[in-house]
Structure formats: structure tokens, C-alpha cells
Amino acid sequence: MGVKELREVLEERLSSLSDREKRLLLVFVPVLLFVLYLGLVFLPLKSSVDRYRERRELLLKKVNSLKVQLEELAALRSRLNPLLVKVDRGIGLDPSSYVKSVARMVGLQIDSVKVLAGETSNGIERDRLSVSFSQVELNRLARFINRLERGSYAFRVVSVSLSDYDENGLVSGKLTLYFFRRAQ
């Protein structure tokens, strides 16, 4: 059946309808087309757009959280770089001799410096040192600790144990500290 034949059949049927049926058909066909458009085109398209917007919002939130994490990472890296410079600087250093020379510079008399067993992790060697002192001024001890931690090498005081504090303001005790350097 061709297009011409289909047209002729539709015209014949429409001409046989009463005026009332023609008016009903005139109202019903556009309503039917509108409902079909809503059901087959508009609602699925709107649903897809809504899903797209939800995914877009979720991705934007993730991107924003990644930006915050990236800023935190950059801040951590900027704080870590000076420490890594100190770690690299300590490759050939004898930590025991260095601690003794810093003690002499601040006028602190130390009894002994012992290098205890260390460990290596992620290419960084951590040596543990024990520094014993007796009858020293608390102020000089504080300057000694400050010089070690803020100096050119990566030293961190882990513990300070004071065993004696006499009437002259002198203390005795022991420091435990870590020295960090690149593993050789």
C-alpha cells in the first residue's frame, strides 16, 4: 500500500464521519500526540538531564575536595622540603662528634654520647642517640636542644629525663634524640 492509497483511505474515512466526530477527533489527536510526546520524548529527556546534573554536582564536589587535598599536600611538601635538605646534608656526618661540638658551642658539659641501634625506612636512616649530662644549667641545656633541632642537620629530641635539680639551679639527666639522614 503506497502513500497515495493511504491518503485516499484516510480522506474517505474522515468524510464519512459526522461533524461531532470530526470535532472530537480534532481535539483528541493533538492531546494524544502531546501525551505521546511527553511519554516518549520529554520525560525521558528530562530524566537524563536531571541525572546529568546530579552527576555533575557530585563530580564538582569531588573536584573541590581534591583541590583542598592538593593544597594540603602542597603545604605539607613545602614544610617537608627544608627537612629533606637537612636529611640530605647529614649523609657523611658523625652524629656523636656533631653533638659534642654543639655542646661545646653553647658551653654545656656532657658526660657521654652513645649512638644506639638505628633503623632504616623508605631510604632514610634514623639513629638514636643518648646524651648524658650532670650538673649543667637548665638554660644552657635548653639552648643546646634548640641548636640541635634548629641547626643544619635533622635532629629531634624525643625525651628529656632530669634526675637532679640542686639549689644552684643545676640539673643532671639524659636526652634521647633521633638523627635522620639518607641511607647510604
C-alpha atoms as a PDB file:
ATOM      1  CA  MET A   1       0.000   0.000   0.000  1.00  0.00           C
ATOM      2  CA  GLY A   2       1.520   3.300  -1.058  1.00  0.00           C
ATOM      3  CA  VAL A   3       1.255   6.765   0.354  1.00  0.00           C
ATOM      4  CA  LYS A   4      -1.421   7.787  -2.131  1.00  0.00           C
ATOM      5  CA  GLU A   5      -3.588   4.805  -1.260  1.00  0.00           C
ATOM      6  CA  LEU A   6      -3.212   5.504   2.460  1.00  0.00           C
ATOM      7  CA  ARG A   7      -4.179   9.123   1.923  1.00  0.00           C
ATOM      8  CA  GLU A   8      -7.267   8.144  -0.039  1.00  0.00           C
ATOM      9  CA  VAL A   9      -8.354   5.719   2.695  1.00  0.00           C
ATOM     10  CA  LEU A  10      -7.930   8.393   5.398  1.00  0.00           C
ATOM     11  CA  GLU A  11      -9.866  11.007   3.367  1.00  0.00           C
ATOM     12  CA  GLU A  12     -12.675   8.532   2.759  1.00  0.00           C
ATOM     13  CA  ARG A  13     -12.925   7.677   6.461  1.00  0.00           C
ATOM     14  CA  LEU A  14     -12.798  11.356   7.502  1.00  0.00           C
ATOM     15  CA  SER A  15     -15.532  12.311   5.022  1.00  0.00           C
ATOM     16  CA  SER A  16     -17.791   9.590   6.394  1.00  0.00           C
ATOM     17  CA  LEU A  17     -17.538  10.996   9.958  1.00  0.00           C
ATOM     18  CA  SER A  18     -20.160  13.311  11.394  1.00  0.00           C
ATOM     19  CA  ASP A  19     -19.319  16.889  12.395  1.00  0.00           C
ATOM     20  CA  ARG A  20     -19.364  15.920  16.068  1.00  0.00           C
ATOM     21  CA  GLU A  21     -16.912  13.057  15.494  1.00  0.00           C
ATOM     22  CA  LYS A  22     -14.667  15.348  13.445  1.00  0.00           C
ATOM     23  CA  ARG A  23     -14.538  17.889  16.317  1.00  0.00           C
ATOM     24  CA  LEU A  24     -13.757  15.114  18.827  1.00  0.00           C
ATOM     25  CA  LEU A  25     -11.042  13.819  16.552  1.00  0.00           C
ATOM     26  CA  LEU A  26      -9.702  17.353  16.155  1.00  0.00           C
ATOM     27  CA  VAL A  27      -9.339  17.625  19.949  1.00  0.00           C
ATOM     28  CA  PHE A  28      -8.321  14.033  20.653  1.00  0.00           C
ATOM     29  CA  VAL A  29      -5.464  13.746  18.103  1.00  0.00           C
ATOM     30  CA  PRO A  30      -3.459  16.752  19.410  1.00  0.00           C
ATOM     31  CA  VAL A  31      -3.993  15.600  23.008  1.00  0.00           C
ATOM     32  CA  LEU A  32      -2.864  12.097  22.050  1.00  0.00           C
ATOM     33  CA  LEU A  33       0.189  13.496  20.254  1.00  0.00           C
ATOM     34  CA  PHE A  34       1.004  15.696  23.261  1.00  0.00           C
ATOM     35  CA  VAL A  35       0.750  12.728  25.664  1.00  0.00           C
ATOM     36  CA  LEU A  36       2.922  10.613  23.369  1.00  0.00           C
ATOM     37  CA  TYR A  37       5.460  13.440  23.157  1.00  0.00           C
ATOM     38  CA  LEU A  38       5.532  13.718  26.951  1.00  0.00           C
ATOM     39  CA  GLY A  39       5.867   9.965  27.470  1.00  0.00           C
ATOM     40  CA  LEU A  40       8.313   9.170  24.709  1.00  0.00           C
ATOM     41  CA  VAL A  41      10.440  12.328  24.383  1.00  0.00           C
ATOM     42  CA  PHE A  42      10.139  14.942  27.100  1.00  0.00           C
ATOM     43  CA  LEU A  43      10.076  12.855  30.316  1.00  0.00           C
ATOM     44  CA  PRO A  44      12.992  10.553  29.348  1.00  0.00           C
ATOM     45  CA  LEU A  45      14.966  13.592  28.222  1.00  0.00           C
ATOM     46  CA  LYS A  46      14.206  15.452  31.470  1.00  0.00           C
ATOM     47  CA  SER A  47      15.197  12.388  33.484  1.00  0.00           C
ATOM     48  CA  SER A  48      18.515  12.189  31.619  1.00  0.00           C
ATOM     49  CA  VAL A  49      19.160  15.893  32.193  1.00  0.00           C
ATOM     50  CA  ASP A  50      18.419  15.506  35.927  1.00  0.00           C
ATOM     51  CA  ARG A  51      20.801  12.539  36.198  1.00  0.00           C
ATOM     52  CA  TYR A  52      23.444  14.510  34.319  1.00  0.00           C
ATOM     53  CA  ARG A  53      23.059  17.458  36.706  1.00  0.00           C
ATOM     54  CA  GLU A  54      23.311  15.189  39.766  1.00  0.00           C
ATOM     55  CA  ARG A  55      26.470  13.559  38.395  1.00  0.00           C
ATOM     56  CA  ARG A  56      27.887  16.958  37.506  1.00  0.00           C
ATOM     57  CA  GLU A  57      27.278  18.247  41.047  1.00  0.00           C
ATOM     58  CA  LEU A  58      28.867  15.119  42.519  1.00  0.00           C
ATOM     59  CA  LEU A  59      31.900  15.486  40.265  1.00  0.00           C
ATOM     60  CA  LEU A  60      32.215  19.183  41.148  1.00  0.00           C
ATOM     61  CA  LYS A  61      32.163  18.298  44.845  1.00  0.00           C
ATOM     62  CA  LYS A  62      34.860  15.680  44.271  1.00  0.00           C
ATOM     63  CA  VAL A  63      36.968  18.150  42.284  1.00  0.00           C
ATOM     64  CA  ASN A  64      36.619  20.747  45.043  1.00  0.00           C
ATOM     65  CA  SER A  65      37.644  18.214  47.693  1.00  0.00           C
ATOM     66  CA  LEU A  66      40.617  17.237  45.523  1.00  0.00           C
ATOM     67  CA  LYS A  67      41.595  20.897  45.272  1.00  0.00           C
ATOM     68  CA  VAL A  68      41.581  21.145  49.066  1.00  0.00           C
ATOM     69  CA  GLN A  69      43.636  17.968  49.356  1.00  0.00           C
ATOM     70  CA  LEU A  70      46.044  19.253  46.722  1.00  0.00           C
ATOM     71  CA  GLU A  71      46.508  22.486  48.671  1.00  0.00           C
ATOM     72  CA  GLU A  72      47.139  20.482  51.852  1.00  0.00           C
ATOM     73  CA  LEU A  73      49.635  18.319  50.000  1.00  0.00           C
ATOM     74  CA  ALA A  74      51.431  21.392  48.663  1.00  0.00           C
ATOM     75  CA  ALA A  75      51.575  22.855  52.180  1.00  0.00           C
ATOM     76  CA  LEU A  76      52.969  19.585  53.556  1.00  0.00           C
ATOM     77  CA  ARG A  77      55.506  19.405  50.741  1.00  0.00           C
ATOM     78  CA  SER A  78      56.659  22.963  51.431  1.00  0.00           C
ATOM     79  CA  ARG A  79      57.156  22.029  55.096  1.00  0.00           C
ATOM     80  CA  LEU A  80      58.877  18.762  54.170  1.00  0.00           C
ATOM     81  CA  ASN A  81      61.398  20.167  51.669  1.00  0.00           C
ATOM     82  CA  PRO A  82      63.542  22.011  54.259  1.00  0.00           C
ATOM     83  CA  LEU A  83      63.593  18.876  56.399  1.00  0.00           C
ATOM     84  CA  LEU A  84      64.695  16.765  53.413  1.00  0.00           C
ATOM     85  CA  VAL A  85      67.520  19.237  52.778  1.00  0.00           C
ATOM     86  CA  LYS A  86      68.683  18.664  56.366  1.00  0.00           C
ATOM     87  CA  VAL A  87      68.374  14.886  55.896  1.00  0.00           C
ATOM     88  CA  ASP A  88      70.487  15.035  52.729  1.00  0.00           C
ATOM     89  CA  ARG A  89      73.063  17.243  54.426  1.00  0.00           C
ATOM     90  CA  GLY A  90      73.675  14.619  57.130  1.00  0.00           C
ATOM     91  CA  ILE A  91      74.941  11.844  54.845  1.00  0.00           C
ATOM     92  CA  GLY A  92      78.616  11.946  55.887  1.00  0.00           C
ATOM     93  CA  LEU A  93      78.116  13.331  59.395  1.00  0.00           C
ATOM     94  CA  ASP A  94      79.244  11.597  62.582  1.00  0.00           C
ATOM     95  CA  PRO A  95      76.311  12.476  64.886  1.00  0.00           C
ATOM     96  CA  SER A  96      78.262  11.833  68.079  1.00  0.00           C
ATOM     97  CA  SER A  97      81.000  14.322  67.166  1.00  0.00           C
ATOM     98  CA  TYR A  98      78.477  16.888  65.996  1.00  0.00           C
ATOM     99  CA  VAL A  99      76.504  16.685  69.263  1.00  0.00           C
ATOM    100  CA  LYS A 100      79.727  17.172  71.231  1.00  0.00           C
ATOM    101  CA  SER A 101      80.701  20.216  69.145  1.00  0.00           C
ATOM    102  CA  VAL A 102      77.259  21.825  69.597  1.00  0.00           C
ATOM    103  CA  ALA A 103      77.542  21.215  73.342  1.00  0.00           C
ATOM    104  CA  ARG A 104      80.926  22.997  73.375  1.00  0.00           C
ATOM    105  CA  MET A 105      79.464  25.918  71.374  1.00  0.00           C
ATOM    106  CA  VAL A 106      76.728  26.541  73.977  1.00  0.00           C
ATOM    107  CA  GLY A 107      79.051  25.873  76.905  1.00  0.00           C
ATOM    108  CA  LEU A 108      77.407  22.641  78.017  1.00  0.00           C
ATOM    109  CA  GLN A 109      79.472  19.939  79.669  1.00  0.00           C
ATOM    110  CA  ILE A 110      78.184  16.482  78.634  1.00  0.00           C
ATOM    111  CA  ASP A 111      79.280  13.215  80.165  1.00  0.00           C
ATOM    112  CA  SER A 112      78.717  10.857  77.241  1.00  0.00           C
ATOM    113  CA  VAL A 113      77.099  10.447  73.849  1.00  0.00           C
ATOM    114  CA  LYS A 114      76.058   6.946  72.845  1.00  0.00           C
ATOM    115  CA  VAL A 115      74.793   6.036  69.397  1.00  0.00           C
ATOM    116  CA  LEU A 116      72.191   3.319  69.868  1.00  0.00           C
ATOM    117  CA  ALA A 117      70.805   0.907  67.291  1.00  0.00           C
ATOM    118  CA  GLY A 118      69.111   2.715  64.415  1.00  0.00           C
ATOM    119  CA  GLU A 119      66.729   1.708  61.682  1.00  0.00           C
ATOM    120  CA  THR A 120      66.167   2.461  58.011  1.00  0.00           C
ATOM    121  CA  SER A 121      62.805   3.144  56.427  1.00  0.00           C
ATOM    122  CA  ASN A 122      61.976   4.496  52.950  1.00  0.00           C
ATOM    123  CA  GLY A 123      65.606   5.320  52.261  1.00  0.00           C
ATOM    124  CA  ILE A 124      66.034   7.372  55.445  1.00  0.00           C
ATOM    125  CA  GLU A 125      68.243   6.166  58.265  1.00  0.00           C
ATOM    126  CA  ARG A 126      67.262   7.064  61.828  1.00  0.00           C
ATOM    127  CA  ASP A 127      69.955   6.830  64.504  1.00  0.00           C
ATOM    128  CA  ARG A 128      69.046   7.068  68.175  1.00  0.00           C
ATOM    129  CA  LEU A 129      71.454   8.908  70.453  1.00  0.00           C
ATOM    130  CA  SER A 130      71.617   9.038  74.216  1.00  0.00           C
ATOM    131  CA  VAL A 131      73.290  12.103  75.731  1.00  0.00           C
ATOM    132  CA  SER A 132      74.109  12.088  79.458  1.00  0.00           C
ATOM    133  CA  PHE A 133      74.895  15.254  81.399  1.00  0.00           C
ATOM    134  CA  SER A 134      75.394  16.218  85.030  1.00  0.00           C
ATOM    135  CA  GLN A 135      75.391  19.484  86.929  1.00  0.00           C
ATOM    136  CA  VAL A 136      74.535  21.750  83.957  1.00  0.00           C
ATOM    137  CA  GLU A 137      72.497  24.945  83.835  1.00  0.00           C
ATOM    138  CA  LEU A 138      68.944  24.430  82.639  1.00  0.00           C
ATOM    139  CA  ASN A 139      69.252  27.469  80.400  1.00  0.00           C
ATOM    140  CA  ARG A 140      72.296  26.041  78.597  1.00  0.00           C
ATOM    141  CA  LEU A 141      70.519  22.709  78.201  1.00  0.00           C
ATOM    142  CA  ALA A 142      67.577  24.492  76.552  1.00  0.00           C
ATOM    143  CA  ARG A 143      69.941  26.326  74.156  1.00  0.00           C
ATOM    144  CA  PHE A 144      71.660  23.019  73.363  1.00  0.00           C
ATOM    145  CA  ILE A 145      68.360  21.359  72.468  1.00  0.00           C
ATOM    146  CA  ASN A 146      67.309  24.393  70.440  1.00  0.00           C
ATOM    147  CA  ARG A 147      70.583  24.429  68.457  1.00  0.00           C
ATOM    148  CA  LEU A 148      70.319  20.729  67.682  1.00  0.00           C
ATOM    149  CA  GLU A 149      66.721  20.871  66.490  1.00  0.00           C
ATOM    150  CA  ARG A 150      67.032  24.142  64.561  1.00  0.00           C
ATOM    151  CA  GLY A 151      70.517  23.513  63.193  1.00  0.00           C
ATOM    152  CA  SER A 152      71.705  22.393  59.790  1.00  0.00           C
ATOM    153  CA  TYR A 153      71.030  18.715  60.387  1.00  0.00           C
ATOM    154  CA  ALA A 154      67.890  16.711  61.158  1.00  0.00           C
ATOM    155  CA  PHE A 155      67.944  16.127  64.928  1.00  0.00           C
ATOM    156  CA  ARG A 156      64.760  15.664  67.005  1.00  0.00           C
ATOM    157  CA  VAL A 157      64.750  15.367  70.781  1.00  0.00           C
ATOM    158  CA  VAL A 158      62.472  12.511  71.788  1.00  0.00           C
ATOM    159  CA  SER A 159      62.752  12.692  75.553  1.00  0.00           C
ATOM    160  CA  VAL A 160      64.410  14.686  78.309  1.00  0.00           C
ATOM    161  CA  SER A 161      64.885  12.969  81.612  1.00  0.00           C
ATOM    162  CA  LEU A 162      66.012  15.175  84.517  1.00  0.00           C
ATOM    163  CA  SER A 163      67.161  13.289  87.598  1.00  0.00           C
ATOM    164  CA  ASP A 164      68.546  16.011  89.826  1.00  0.00           C
ATOM    165  CA  TYR A 165      67.884  19.705  90.337  1.00  0.00           C
ATOM    166  CA  ASP A 166      70.053  21.269  93.028  1.00  0.00           C
ATOM    167  CA  GLU A 167      69.888  24.601  94.884  1.00  0.00           C
ATOM    168  CA  ASN A 168      72.311  26.238  92.421  1.00  0.00           C
ATOM    169  CA  GLY A 169      69.903  25.641  89.530  1.00  0.00           C
ATOM    170  CA  LEU A 170      71.973  22.836  88.031  1.00  0.00           C
ATOM    171  CA  VAL A 171      70.401  19.687  86.603  1.00  0.00           C
ATOM    172  CA  SER A 172      71.554  16.210  85.739  1.00  0.00           C
ATOM    173  CA  GLY A 173      69.891  13.781  83.379  1.00  0.00           C
ATOM    174  CA  LYS A 174      69.725  12.271  79.950  1.00  0.00           C
ATOM    175  CA  LEU A 175      68.478  13.292  76.479  1.00  0.00           C
ATOM    176  CA  THR A 176      67.283  10.833  73.876  1.00  0.00           C
ATOM    177  CA  LEU A 177      67.262  12.143  70.348  1.00  0.00           C
ATOM    178  CA  TYR A 178      66.953  10.971  66.762  1.00  0.00           C
ATOM    179  CA  PHE A 179      69.284  11.852  63.935  1.00  0.00           C
ATOM    180  CA  PHE A 180      67.906  11.436  60.411  1.00  0.00           C
ATOM    181  CA  ARG A 181      69.943  11.081  57.215  1.00  0.00           C
ATOM    182  CA  ARG A 182      69.714   9.434  53.820  1.00  0.00           C
ATOM    183  CA  ALA A 183      70.673   5.767  53.897  1.00  0.00           C
ATOM    184  CA  GLN A 184      73.979   5.101  52.179  1.00  0.00           C
END
